[in-house]
Each structure stands twice: as structure tokens, then as C-alpha cells.
Amino acid sequence: MTNDISKGLGSKLEFPTIFGAVLVVLNLIFTACATTPDTLYLMDVSKKLEAGVIIASDTDQIIAFEEFIQKLEKEKVIYVGESHTNAHHHQAQLQILKAIYNHDRFVAVGMEMFDHTYQHILDQWSFGDLDEQTFIEKTHWYANWRYDFALYRDILLFIKENRIKLIGLNIPFHIPAKIRVGGVDNLSASDRHFLPAKIDTTNSDHRAYVEKIFQQHHFRKKVNFDYFYQAQCAWEDGMAAAIGNHGDTGKIVVMIGKGHIVNKFGVPERAFKINPQPYSTVFLASVGSEAKLSYADFLWATPPPNNKKQ
């Protein structure tokens, strides 16, 4: 989650606000010291990419979209990491989904934007049984996700028009906020019911990554980092479980905040431990920012957000 979520940081830190803060800082990290406003700078290889360029991390080579899709077609799980408020990122996600769907109709879409308790509503959408306004109301879109529905409309319409399975990845949005202030042990039994079977807090690299971001926030003196990290891991393990438990029935394209896939230790590696299916990660990054090849299997340079609100 990115910049717009920071509007709630001042006095009341709620999910997704508090966890959006992680990606707020990611955005600052990615955009600090950018060399030019019209290129994406790859720090580890001193290379600049113009908007529209895709690079494969394993070869450090720019590849055409067709070759990019051919590589993705070999995978069972395809993670496409976004900045939530950048419309260009959602256009890229839709472009990937359309290309994958054209080659393999047996594909599902997993979205961070919905928690799994809404799955019956998501099924109704995929079956074409709901109009847009009813869908927004029944999923409590503006209470849970809060971003402009228009950013995701084209993706969701494509899913509906083609009867594509839509999977809600998240745990209920209020639970990580409770973990942040009281830890997992103090959750009620009813809230614990929604947690994944295992919450892994043992990855030292991931912990250091999250702690570095945590230290850059003004709320750090009021928040116990151990609880904060428990909440982060519960959140990501919950999404990983939804992906891993999808099974071997077909491909799944995962649309998720890019902070959850960077270096793969957020969601991708956790899902792989549950179900070791071949996967690739695609990191969408705006020109005018910085990134590293190590962030993902593929990096796609996109235009920046197209208005100040984004």
C-alpha cells in the first residue's frame, strides 16, 4: 500500500493504514535519489530504463513483451506487484492477465484487495450475478480497501466478462491492527479463527527489512515492534496460505502490493513453502524511482502516477 494511506497516520493508525505505512516508506526508498524523472534507475547494475521497458533479472537483459509472457506462461503462480494508486500499474496488470488468459483460459486471479470472508461475493461477481455498485457495497470496498474503485474497474470487469475465478487473499482487515497493539496471544478466539495455521517470524532478513522501514516512522515510539512484526507476518502468511492452498488446478495471477513481493520473502516464499509450485515475480516501478534487479524476477518500468492525488 502506498502514499494515500498515509493520510491516517497522524492520530488513528488502522489497517490498512498502519501496514500501508510500510509501503509508504518503500515508495520513499524507491524514489529517493532518483537520477532522472523519466527513467527507472537500477542501482545494482547502474542501468536506466525508460517507461515501457521490461528487464529479466536473471540475464540483466531487456526483453520484449511477447518473450516476457512466454516466460510467465511456464509458471503456476505469477505475482504482479503494484503501487496501489498508480493507474499505470493496474493497466500493466490487466495487460499481463489478458495475455496469460489468451494462452490459458484455466487461470484464476488472487487479489490483496479482498479478504477471504467475502469469497461468496467474489464468486457472484465472477459468475456475472452482480452489478458494480452492488459489488462495491457487498464487499465494503470503501471501508476495507478505500482506494478509488476506478483504479481496479477494468481488471474486475475483465474478470467478470470472462468468468474468471476471483480469490480474496487477505485475512479480515481489522485483525492485523489488533495484533499490532496487543500481539497474537491477546486476540480473541473468534479473531484467531481467521489466522493462518502458521505465522513465521523467523526470517531474519525479512525482519531486518521490516524493522528498517518501521524505524523511519514517527509512530515507532508508540508501537511495539515485535507486535508490529507479528502483524506483518500474519498478514503475509495469510495471503500466502490463500495462494498456496489454491492447489494444482491452474495458474493464478496475484495482484498485490509490491512491498509484499520484494526479494520474495514477504508472500512468494511463504506460499512456496505451503505448495512448491513454480512462480515468478514482476515488480512494477515508476520512472523517476530506483530499484534493484534482486527485487523480482522481472522489473517493468512504468510511467509515474498521472495526477498528484495518486
Protein backbone atom coordinates (compact mmCIF):
# COMPACT_ATOMS: atom_id res chain seq x y z
CA MET A 1 0.00 0.00 0.00
CA THR A 2 1.32 3.40 -0.88
CA ASN A 3 1.15 7.12 -0.35
CA ASP A 4 -2.57 7.84 0.02
CA ILE A 5 -2.86 5.51 3.01
CA SER A 6 -0.57 7.81 4.98
CA LYS A 7 -3.47 10.23 5.40
CA GLY A 8 -4.44 8.33 8.56
CA LEU A 9 -1.05 8.14 10.20
CA GLY A 10 -1.45 11.23 12.32
CA SER A 11 -3.86 10.15 15.02
CA LYS A 12 -5.51 6.83 14.29
CA LEU A 13 -3.49 4.00 12.82
CA GLU A 14 -5.81 1.36 11.45
CA PHE A 15 -5.43 -1.48 9.00
CA PRO A 16 -4.79 -0.97 6.14
CA THR A 17 -3.32 2.38 7.26
CA ILE A 18 -0.61 1.05 9.55
CA PHE A 19 0.52 -1.58 7.10
CA GLY A 20 0.20 0.79 4.22
CA ALA A 21 2.81 2.76 6.07
CA VAL A 22 5.30 0.04 5.25
CA LEU A 23 4.81 0.69 1.58
CA VAL A 24 4.72 4.43 2.07
CA VAL A 25 8.32 4.20 3.17
CA LEU A 26 9.09 1.70 0.44
CA ASN A 27 7.90 4.30 -2.00
CA LEU A 28 10.20 6.85 -0.40
CA ILE A 29 13.10 4.43 -0.55
CA PHE A 30 12.43 3.61 -4.19
CA THR A 31 12.14 7.27 -5.19
CA ALA A 32 14.93 8.82 -3.12
CA CYS A 33 17.96 9.99 -5.06
CA ALA A 34 16.40 9.12 -8.41
CA THR A 35 18.70 10.20 -11.20
CA THR A 36 16.16 11.46 -13.72
CA PRO A 37 12.36 11.82 -13.67
CA ASP A 38 11.95 9.91 -16.94
CA THR A 39 13.91 6.73 -16.19
CA LEU A 40 13.92 3.91 -13.67
CA TYR A 41 17.40 3.56 -12.19
CA LEU A 42 18.59 0.04 -11.34
CA MET A 43 21.04 0.63 -8.53
CA ASP A 44 22.81 -2.73 -8.56
CA VAL A 45 23.66 -2.65 -12.26
CA SER A 46 23.78 1.12 -12.88
CA LYS A 47 21.23 0.90 -15.64
CA LYS A 48 18.41 3.24 -16.61
CA LEU A 49 15.12 2.04 -18.06
CA GLU A 50 12.58 4.14 -19.90
CA ALA A 51 8.85 3.68 -19.35
CA GLY A 52 7.52 0.55 -21.00
CA VAL A 53 10.76 -1.40 -20.75
CA ILE A 54 10.82 -4.84 -19.11
CA ILE A 55 14.03 -6.43 -17.87
CA ALA A 56 14.69 -10.02 -16.82
CA SER A 57 16.71 -10.12 -13.63
CA ASP A 58 18.46 -13.42 -14.31
CA THR A 59 20.04 -12.17 -17.52
CA ASP A 60 20.04 -8.41 -16.90
CA GLN A 61 18.57 -8.12 -20.40
CA ILE A 62 15.67 -6.10 -21.71
CA ILE A 63 13.02 -8.35 -23.21
CA ALA A 64 10.02 -7.82 -25.46
CA PHE A 65 6.55 -8.20 -24.00
CA GLU A 66 5.93 -11.37 -26.02
CA GLU A 67 9.03 -13.05 -24.61
CA PHE A 68 8.10 -11.84 -21.15
CA ILE A 69 4.71 -13.53 -21.41
CA GLN A 70 6.26 -16.72 -22.77
CA LYS A 71 8.40 -16.91 -19.65
CA LEU A 72 5.44 -16.25 -17.37
CA GLU A 73 3.40 -18.94 -19.09
CA LYS A 74 5.75 -21.56 -17.66
CA GLU A 75 4.79 -20.61 -14.11
CA LYS A 76 1.86 -21.68 -11.95
CA VAL A 77 1.86 -18.53 -9.84
CA ILE A 78 2.54 -15.07 -11.24
CA TYR A 79 2.94 -12.23 -8.75
CA VAL A 80 2.49 -8.72 -10.14
CA GLY A 81 3.48 -6.15 -7.52
CA GLU A 82 1.83 -2.74 -7.74
CA SER A 83 1.78 0.69 -6.23
CA HIS A 84 -1.90 0.76 -5.40
CA THR A 85 -2.64 4.30 -6.58
CA ASN A 86 -0.70 4.19 -9.85
CA ALA A 87 -3.22 3.59 -12.63
CA HIS A 88 -0.39 2.59 -14.98
CA HIS A 89 0.39 -0.35 -12.73
CA HIS A 90 -3.16 -1.61 -13.00
CA GLN A 91 -3.04 -1.23 -16.76
CA ALA A 92 0.12 -3.36 -16.79
CA GLN A 93 -1.55 -5.96 -14.57
CA LEU A 94 -4.51 -6.14 -16.92
CA GLN A 95 -2.20 -6.43 -19.92
CA ILE A 96 -0.45 -9.39 -18.27
CA LEU A 97 -3.73 -11.02 -17.27
CA LYS A 98 -5.17 -10.70 -20.78
CA ALA A 99 -2.05 -12.19 -22.34
CA ILE A 100 -1.98 -15.11 -19.91
CA TYR A 101 -5.71 -15.70 -20.34
CA ASN A 102 -5.40 -15.74 -24.13
CA HIS A 103 -2.97 -18.66 -23.83
CA ASP A 104 -4.55 -20.45 -20.88
CA ARG A 105 -8.23 -19.98 -20.03
CA PHE A 106 -7.80 -22.00 -16.84
CA VAL A 107 -6.47 -19.11 -14.80
CA ALA A 108 -7.57 -17.52 -11.54
CA VAL A 109 -6.84 -14.07 -10.12
CA GLY A 110 -5.89 -13.55 -6.48
CA MET A 111 -6.26 -10.02 -5.12
CA GLU A 112 -4.96 -8.49 -1.92
CA MET A 113 -7.85 -6.04 -2.09
CA PHE A 114 -10.39 -8.51 -0.68
CA ASP A 115 -10.33 -10.65 2.42
CA HIS A 116 -11.36 -14.28 2.17
CA THR A 117 -14.60 -13.84 4.12
CA TYR A 118 -16.02 -12.17 1.01
CA GLN A 119 -15.34 -15.17 -1.21
CA HIS A 120 -19.02 -15.87 -1.82
CA ILE A 121 -19.44 -12.30 -3.06
CA LEU A 122 -16.37 -12.62 -5.29
CA ASP A 123 -17.85 -15.80 -6.75
CA GLN A 124 -21.06 -13.96 -7.53
CA TRP A 125 -19.05 -11.29 -9.33
CA SER A 126 -17.15 -13.88 -11.36
CA PHE A 127 -20.44 -15.53 -12.33
CA GLY A 128 -21.76 -12.20 -13.55
CA ASP A 129 -24.51 -12.02 -10.93
CA LEU A 130 -23.73 -8.57 -9.50
CA ASP A 131 -23.62 -5.07 -10.92
CA GLU A 132 -20.76 -2.77 -9.98
CA GLN A 133 -22.49 -0.75 -7.28
CA THR A 134 -23.85 -3.85 -5.57
CA PHE A 135 -20.40 -5.41 -5.67
CA ILE A 136 -18.84 -2.31 -4.11
CA GLU A 137 -21.43 -2.32 -1.36
CA LYS A 138 -21.36 -6.05 -0.62
CA THR A 139 -17.54 -6.15 -0.42
CA HIS A 140 -17.50 -2.96 1.69
CA TRP A 141 -14.85 -1.70 -0.71
CA TYR A 142 -14.55 1.79 0.73
CA ALA A 143 -14.49 0.55 4.31
CA ASN A 144 -11.83 -2.10 3.67
CA TRP A 145 -9.65 -1.11 0.74
CA ARG A 146 -10.56 2.60 0.44
CA TYR A 147 -8.79 3.34 -2.84
CA ASP A 148 -10.80 4.58 -5.80
CA PHE A 149 -12.63 1.62 -7.30
CA ALA A 150 -11.99 3.09 -10.75
CA LEU A 151 -8.32 2.12 -10.43
CA TYR A 152 -9.33 -1.55 -10.45
CA ARG A 153 -12.50 -1.39 -12.55
CA ASP A 154 -11.03 -2.60 -15.85
CA ILE A 155 -9.34 -5.58 -14.17
CA LEU A 156 -12.52 -6.56 -12.35
CA LEU A 157 -14.67 -6.12 -15.45
CA PHE A 158 -12.35 -8.38 -17.44
CA ILE A 159 -12.65 -10.98 -14.68
CA LYS A 160 -16.43 -10.72 -14.73
CA GLU A 161 -16.79 -10.72 -18.51
CA ASN A 162 -14.66 -13.84 -18.84
CA ARG A 163 -15.98 -15.67 -15.76
CA ILE A 164 -12.51 -15.86 -14.23
CA LYS A 165 -12.21 -17.18 -10.70
CA LEU A 166 -11.52 -14.28 -8.30
CA ILE A 167 -9.88 -15.16 -4.98
CA GLY A 168 -9.76 -12.93 -1.92
CA LEU A 169 -6.28 -13.25 -0.40
CA ASN A 170 -6.39 -11.19 2.74
CA ILE A 171 -7.31 -12.00 6.30
CA PRO A 172 -10.03 -9.68 7.68
CA PHE A 173 -8.69 -6.16 7.67
CA HIS A 174 -9.25 -5.42 11.35
CA ILE A 175 -7.12 -8.30 12.64
CA PRO A 176 -3.56 -7.09 11.86
CA ALA A 177 -4.36 -3.79 13.57
CA LYS A 178 -5.31 -5.70 16.72
CA ILE A 179 -2.11 -7.75 16.56
CA ARG A 180 -0.08 -4.57 16.23
CA VAL A 181 -1.33 -3.25 19.57
CA GLY A 182 -1.69 -6.47 21.53
CA GLY A 183 0.14 -9.29 19.78
CA VAL A 184 -1.25 -12.57 18.53
CA ASP A 185 -1.65 -14.05 22.01
CA ASN A 186 -4.20 -11.43 23.01
CA LEU A 187 -6.53 -11.97 20.08
CA SER A 188 -9.96 -13.36 20.84
CA ALA A 189 -10.72 -16.91 19.81
CA SER A 190 -13.05 -15.60 17.13
CA ASP A 191 -10.27 -13.47 15.62
CA ARG A 192 -7.70 -16.27 15.87
CA HIS A 193 -10.02 -18.35 13.72
CA PHE A 194 -9.08 -16.21 10.72
CA LEU A 195 -5.32 -16.57 11.11
CA PRO A 196 -3.22 -18.96 9.01
CA ALA A 197 -2.16 -22.22 10.63
CA LYS A 198 1.41 -20.95 10.94
CA ILE A 199 2.84 -17.45 11.35
CA ASP A 200 6.53 -17.46 10.53
CA THR A 201 8.55 -14.74 12.28
CA THR A 202 11.92 -16.49 11.90
CA ASN A 203 13.23 -14.93 8.68
CA SER A 204 15.96 -12.58 9.88
CA ASP A 205 16.34 -10.84 6.51
CA HIS A 206 12.64 -10.12 6.33
CA ARG A 207 12.59 -8.92 9.93
CA ALA A 208 15.52 -6.56 9.30
CA TYR A 209 13.80 -5.25 6.19
CA VAL A 210 10.57 -4.52 8.05
CA GLU A 211 12.39 -3.05 11.05
CA LYS A 212 14.34 -0.66 8.84
CA ILE A 213 11.08 0.65 7.47
CA PHE A 214 9.50 0.72 10.92
CA GLN A 215 12.33 2.89 12.29
CA GLN A 216 11.57 5.59 9.74
CA HIS A 217 8.05 6.19 11.07
CA HIS A 218 7.04 8.65 13.74
CA PHE A 219 4.76 6.07 15.38
CA ARG A 220 7.66 3.76 16.28
CA LYS A 221 7.89 5.05 19.87
CA LYS A 222 4.25 4.19 20.49
CA VAL A 223 4.26 0.77 18.84
CA ASN A 224 5.93 -2.43 20.00
CA PHE A 225 8.00 -3.62 17.03
CA ASP A 226 7.61 -7.29 17.96
CA TYR A 227 3.85 -6.92 17.74
CA PHE A 228 4.19 -4.87 14.56
CA TYR A 229 6.27 -7.63 13.02
CA GLN A 230 3.84 -10.32 14.17
CA ALA A 231 1.08 -8.41 12.42
CA GLN A 232 3.13 -8.07 9.24
CA CYS A 233 3.87 -11.80 9.18
CA ALA A 234 0.28 -12.75 9.99
CA TRP A 235 -0.86 -10.56 7.12
CA GLU A 236 1.62 -12.03 4.65
CA ASP A 237 1.29 -15.62 5.83
CA GLY A 238 -2.47 -15.26 5.50
CA MET A 239 -2.16 -14.23 1.86
CA ALA A 240 0.45 -16.91 1.25
CA ALA A 241 -1.93 -19.54 2.61
CA ALA A 242 -4.68 -18.42 0.26
CA ILE A 243 -2.27 -18.70 -2.67
CA GLY A 244 -0.65 -21.94 -1.57
CA ASN A 245 -3.99 -23.59 -0.90
CA HIS A 246 -5.21 -22.68 -4.37
CA GLY A 247 -3.82 -26.08 -5.37
CA ASP A 248 -2.72 -27.50 -8.69
CA THR A 249 -5.85 -26.69 -10.62
CA GLY A 250 -4.40 -23.97 -12.84
CA LYS A 251 -2.45 -20.75 -12.93
CA ILE A 252 -3.09 -17.89 -10.58
CA VAL A 253 -2.18 -14.27 -11.28
CA VAL A 254 -1.65 -12.48 -7.96
CA MET A 255 -2.25 -8.75 -7.77
CA ILE A 256 -0.61 -7.42 -4.65
CA GLY A 257 1.36 -4.51 -3.26
CA LYS A 258 4.94 -4.64 -4.49
CA GLY A 259 6.29 -4.45 -0.94
CA HIS A 260 4.86 -7.92 -0.36
CA ILE A 261 6.92 -9.46 -3.16
CA VAL A 262 10.20 -7.55 -2.98
CA ASN A 263 13.06 -10.03 -2.53
CA LYS A 264 10.35 -12.74 -2.42
CA PHE A 265 10.47 -13.15 1.35
CA GLY A 266 7.12 -11.50 2.03
CA VAL A 267 4.48 -13.63 0.31
CA PRO A 268 6.09 -15.64 -2.53
CA GLU A 269 8.49 -17.75 -0.45
CA ARG A 270 5.85 -18.34 2.21
CA ALA A 271 3.35 -19.57 -0.37
CA PHE A 272 6.01 -21.76 -1.96
CA LYS A 273 6.64 -23.49 1.37
CA ILE A 274 2.95 -24.36 1.54
CA ASN A 275 2.72 -25.53 -2.05
CA PRO A 276 6.01 -25.65 -4.02
CA GLN A 277 4.67 -24.52 -7.36
CA PRO A 278 6.89 -22.69 -9.88
CA TYR A 279 6.39 -18.94 -9.72
CA SER A 280 7.71 -15.63 -10.97
CA THR A 281 7.54 -12.14 -9.54
CA VAL A 282 7.00 -8.96 -11.54
CA PHE A 283 7.91 -5.68 -9.88
CA LEU A 284 6.19 -2.63 -11.38
CA ALA A 285 8.25 0.51 -10.75
CA SER A 286 7.62 4.04 -11.93
CA VAL A 287 10.22 6.03 -13.80
CA GLY A 288 11.82 8.62 -11.56
CA SER A 289 12.47 5.98 -8.92
CA GLU A 290 15.11 3.41 -8.07
CA ALA A 291 15.03 -0.37 -7.79
CA LYS A 292 17.30 -3.41 -7.86
CA LEU A 293 17.28 -6.49 -10.03
CA SER A 294 17.13 -8.53 -6.84
CA TYR A 295 13.67 -7.19 -6.07
CA ALA A 296 11.95 -9.58 -8.50
CA ASP A 297 12.35 -11.90 -11.46
CA PHE A 298 11.19 -9.15 -13.80
CA LEU A 299 11.10 -5.38 -13.45
CA TRP A 300 8.75 -3.32 -15.58
CA ALA A 301 9.36 0.43 -15.81
CA THR A 302 6.05 2.29 -15.96
CA PRO A 303 5.02 5.91 -16.25
CA PRO A 304 4.63 7.68 -12.91
CA PRO A 305 1.21 8.24 -11.35
CA ASN A 306 -0.73 10.53 -13.62
CA ASN A 307 -2.03 13.00 -11.06
CA LYS A 308 -0.98 14.47 -7.74
CA LYS A 309 -3.58 12.54 -5.78
CA GLN A 310 -2.04 9.28 -6.89
